[in-house]
Amino acid sequence: MAMGKRKSEQAPLWIPTTELPVSPGHPFYVRLNEVLDGAGFDRFVEDQCRPFYAPVMGRPSLAPGRYFRLLLVGYFEGLDSERGIAWRAADSLAVRHFLGLGLDEAAPDHSTISRTRRLIDIEAHQAVFTWVQERLVEAHLLRGKTLAVDATTLEANAAMRSIVRRDTGESY
């Protein structure tokens, strides 16, 4: 068998989008989109976020359904920054399909995600994520138990002079 060699030919100048490779998608995101679309996710989110958007004024913003899908991607993939979420949306064909982005559309910029997050209040975020969680439990995509977290803030005295050994009683 002969070794293949890299061809150095000029790439075509124009390729129709119908001839580009298509990703089969990530099974989780495909199923998640089925659940969300079947339950009317976009309509629910638009109703929750209507007070935060102007009816006509200004240029069109990031659609609420797409914004919350971006946050879901960040949550499910452990991305803790808007830059990371924006990069993942631009990089992955499966995530682009989950977000409803065409091949000819740019992924939302991190500053757009950040601005939208500041625009929508915490109660709307809670309502949307509670709604999503309920739908995922109904579809058997999510299960778990109640978890409580104690978030008490305590002031610590960490000065070296205050450290005393328990066994001998000597100080630092």
Protein backbone atom coordinates (compact mmCIF):
# COMPACT_ATOMS: atom_id res chain seq x y z
CA MET A 1 0.00 0.00 0.00
CA ALA A 2 1.41 3.38 -0.98
CA MET A 3 1.53 6.35 1.36
CA GLY A 4 -1.02 9.04 0.55
CA LYS A 5 0.32 12.52 -0.04
CA ARG A 6 -1.26 15.84 0.70
CA LYS A 7 -2.62 17.49 -2.41
CA SER A 8 -1.93 21.17 -2.88
CA GLU A 9 -4.75 22.28 -5.07
CA GLN A 10 -6.70 25.48 -4.85
CA ALA A 11 -9.96 25.17 -2.95
CA PRO A 12 -13.15 26.10 -4.81
CA LEU A 13 -14.09 29.75 -4.51
CA TRP A 14 -17.79 29.09 -3.88
CA ILE A 15 -19.54 26.09 -2.32
CA PRO A 16 -23.32 25.96 -1.93
CA THR A 17 -24.42 25.40 1.67
CA THR A 18 -26.42 22.38 0.53
CA GLU A 19 -23.14 20.63 -0.31
CA LEU A 20 -21.48 21.29 3.07
CA PRO A 21 -21.17 18.34 5.45
CA VAL A 22 -24.04 17.96 7.89
CA SER A 23 -23.49 16.95 11.48
CA PRO A 24 -25.75 14.19 12.78
CA GLY A 25 -26.09 16.28 15.93
CA HIS A 26 -25.50 15.41 19.53
CA PRO A 27 -28.18 12.95 20.73
CA PHE A 28 -28.73 14.87 23.97
CA TYR A 29 -29.27 18.22 22.25
CA VAL A 30 -31.52 16.64 19.61
CA ARG A 31 -33.71 15.10 22.34
CA LEU A 32 -33.61 18.29 24.43
CA ASN A 33 -34.77 20.34 21.45
CA GLU A 34 -37.59 17.88 20.83
CA VAL A 35 -38.75 18.24 24.43
CA LEU A 36 -38.45 22.04 24.45
CA ASP A 37 -40.14 22.51 21.07
CA GLY A 38 -42.92 20.06 21.96
CA ALA A 39 -43.68 22.01 25.16
CA GLY A 40 -43.69 25.44 23.48
CA PHE A 41 -40.42 26.69 24.98
CA ASP A 42 -39.93 29.70 22.70
CA ARG A 43 -43.48 30.96 23.21
CA PHE A 44 -43.19 30.54 27.01
CA VAL A 45 -39.83 32.36 27.15
CA GLU A 46 -41.04 35.21 24.95
CA ASP A 47 -44.03 35.71 27.27
CA GLN A 48 -41.73 35.74 30.33
CA CYS A 49 -39.33 38.24 28.73
CA ARG A 50 -41.81 40.56 27.01
CA PRO A 51 -41.50 43.32 29.67
CA PHE A 52 -37.75 43.58 29.07
CA TYR A 53 -37.88 44.25 25.34
CA ALA A 54 -39.05 47.36 23.53
CA PRO A 55 -41.91 46.70 21.10
CA VAL A 56 -40.33 48.39 18.05
CA MET A 57 -37.49 50.66 19.09
CA GLY A 58 -33.88 49.84 18.17
CA ARG A 59 -32.29 46.99 16.31
CA PRO A 60 -33.47 43.43 16.91
CA SER A 61 -31.83 41.80 19.91
CA LEU A 62 -30.94 38.22 20.74
CA ALA A 63 -34.17 36.19 20.77
CA PRO A 64 -35.08 35.06 24.30
CA GLY A 65 -35.36 31.41 23.23
CA ARG A 66 -31.89 31.46 21.72
CA TYR A 67 -30.46 33.29 24.77
CA PHE A 68 -31.80 30.70 27.22
CA ARG A 69 -30.63 27.86 24.96
CA LEU A 70 -27.15 29.42 25.11
CA LEU A 71 -27.34 29.39 28.91
CA LEU A 72 -28.45 25.75 28.83
CA VAL A 73 -25.41 24.89 26.68
CA GLY A 74 -23.22 26.63 29.24
CA TYR A 75 -24.87 24.73 32.08
CA PHE A 76 -24.79 21.28 30.46
CA GLU A 77 -21.20 21.68 29.24
CA GLY A 78 -19.83 23.30 32.40
CA LEU A 79 -18.95 26.59 30.69
CA ASP A 80 -18.81 29.35 33.28
CA SER A 81 -18.15 32.33 31.03
CA GLU A 82 -20.06 34.06 28.28
CA ARG A 83 -16.94 33.99 26.11
CA GLY A 84 -16.79 30.21 26.50
CA ILE A 85 -20.46 29.84 25.60
CA ALA A 86 -20.06 32.10 22.54
CA TRP A 87 -16.98 30.17 21.42
CA ARG A 88 -18.79 26.83 21.80
CA ALA A 89 -21.77 28.14 19.81
CA ALA A 90 -19.47 29.28 17.01
CA ASP A 91 -17.43 26.06 17.01
CA SER A 92 -19.93 23.19 17.17
CA LEU A 93 -22.36 22.26 14.41
CA ALA A 94 -24.49 20.30 16.92
CA VAL A 95 -24.77 23.30 19.25
CA ARG A 96 -25.51 25.61 16.29
CA HIS A 97 -28.36 23.31 15.30
CA PHE A 98 -29.65 23.27 18.90
CA LEU A 99 -29.61 27.09 18.88
CA GLY A 100 -31.34 27.26 15.50
CA LEU A 101 -28.38 28.97 13.82
CA GLY A 102 -27.94 28.49 10.10
CA LEU A 103 -24.54 27.92 8.54
CA ASP A 104 -24.62 31.44 7.14
CA GLU A 105 -25.45 33.06 10.51
CA ALA A 106 -22.85 34.24 13.00
CA ALA A 107 -23.07 32.93 16.54
CA PRO A 108 -23.97 35.55 19.16
CA ASP A 109 -21.01 37.48 20.54
CA HIS A 110 -20.19 37.22 24.26
CA SER A 111 -21.07 40.90 24.73
CA THR A 112 -24.55 40.28 23.31
CA ILE A 113 -25.06 37.39 25.73
CA SER A 114 -23.85 39.56 28.62
CA ARG A 115 -26.08 42.49 27.69
CA THR A 116 -29.11 40.22 27.39
CA ARG A 117 -28.33 38.67 30.79
CA ARG A 118 -28.27 42.12 32.40
CA LEU A 119 -31.51 43.05 30.62
CA ILE A 120 -33.61 40.16 31.99
CA ASP A 121 -34.29 40.04 35.75
CA ILE A 122 -33.54 37.14 38.08
CA GLU A 123 -37.22 36.21 38.52
CA ALA A 124 -37.61 35.61 34.77
CA HIS A 125 -34.44 33.48 34.77
CA GLN A 126 -35.78 31.44 37.69
CA ALA A 127 -39.18 30.99 36.02
CA VAL A 128 -37.61 29.79 32.76
CA PHE A 129 -35.15 27.38 34.37
CA THR A 130 -37.82 25.96 36.69
CA TRP A 131 -40.07 25.44 33.66
CA VAL A 132 -37.26 23.70 31.74
CA GLN A 133 -36.42 21.52 34.72
CA GLU A 134 -40.06 20.43 35.05
CA ARG A 135 -40.22 19.49 31.35
CA LEU A 136 -36.96 17.54 31.55
CA VAL A 137 -38.21 15.60 34.58
CA GLU A 138 -41.47 14.79 32.73
CA ALA A 139 -39.45 13.56 29.73
CA HIS A 140 -37.19 11.43 31.99
CA LEU A 141 -34.08 13.35 30.90
CA LEU A 142 -33.43 14.61 34.40
CA ARG A 143 -33.76 13.01 37.80
CA GLY A 144 -32.43 13.79 41.19
CA LYS A 145 -33.16 14.62 44.77
CA THR A 146 -33.61 17.83 46.68
CA LEU A 147 -30.36 19.45 47.69
CA ALA A 148 -29.98 22.15 50.31
CA VAL A 149 -27.04 24.50 50.53
CA ASP A 150 -26.14 26.58 53.57
CA ALA A 151 -24.72 29.85 52.32
CA THR A 152 -23.95 31.44 55.65
CA THR A 153 -21.22 34.08 55.45
CA LEU A 154 -18.78 34.02 58.33
CA GLU A 155 -15.78 36.23 58.93
CA ALA A 156 -12.61 34.24 59.48
CA ASN A 157 -9.75 35.40 61.65
CA ALA A 158 -6.84 34.05 59.62
CA ALA A 159 -4.06 36.10 61.18
CA MET A 160 -1.04 33.92 61.92
CA ARG A 161 -0.80 35.41 65.44
CA SER A 162 -4.20 33.99 66.32
CA ILE A 163 -3.26 30.37 65.54
CA VAL A 164 -2.82 28.24 68.67
CA ARG A 165 -1.93 24.53 68.73
CA ARG A 166 -4.62 22.49 70.44
CA ASP A 167 -2.30 19.84 71.83
CA THR A 168 0.42 22.06 73.34
CA GLY A 169 -1.30 25.44 73.57
CA GLU A 170 1.68 27.23 72.01
CA SER A 171 1.06 30.08 69.56
CA TYR A 172 2.61 30.71 66.20
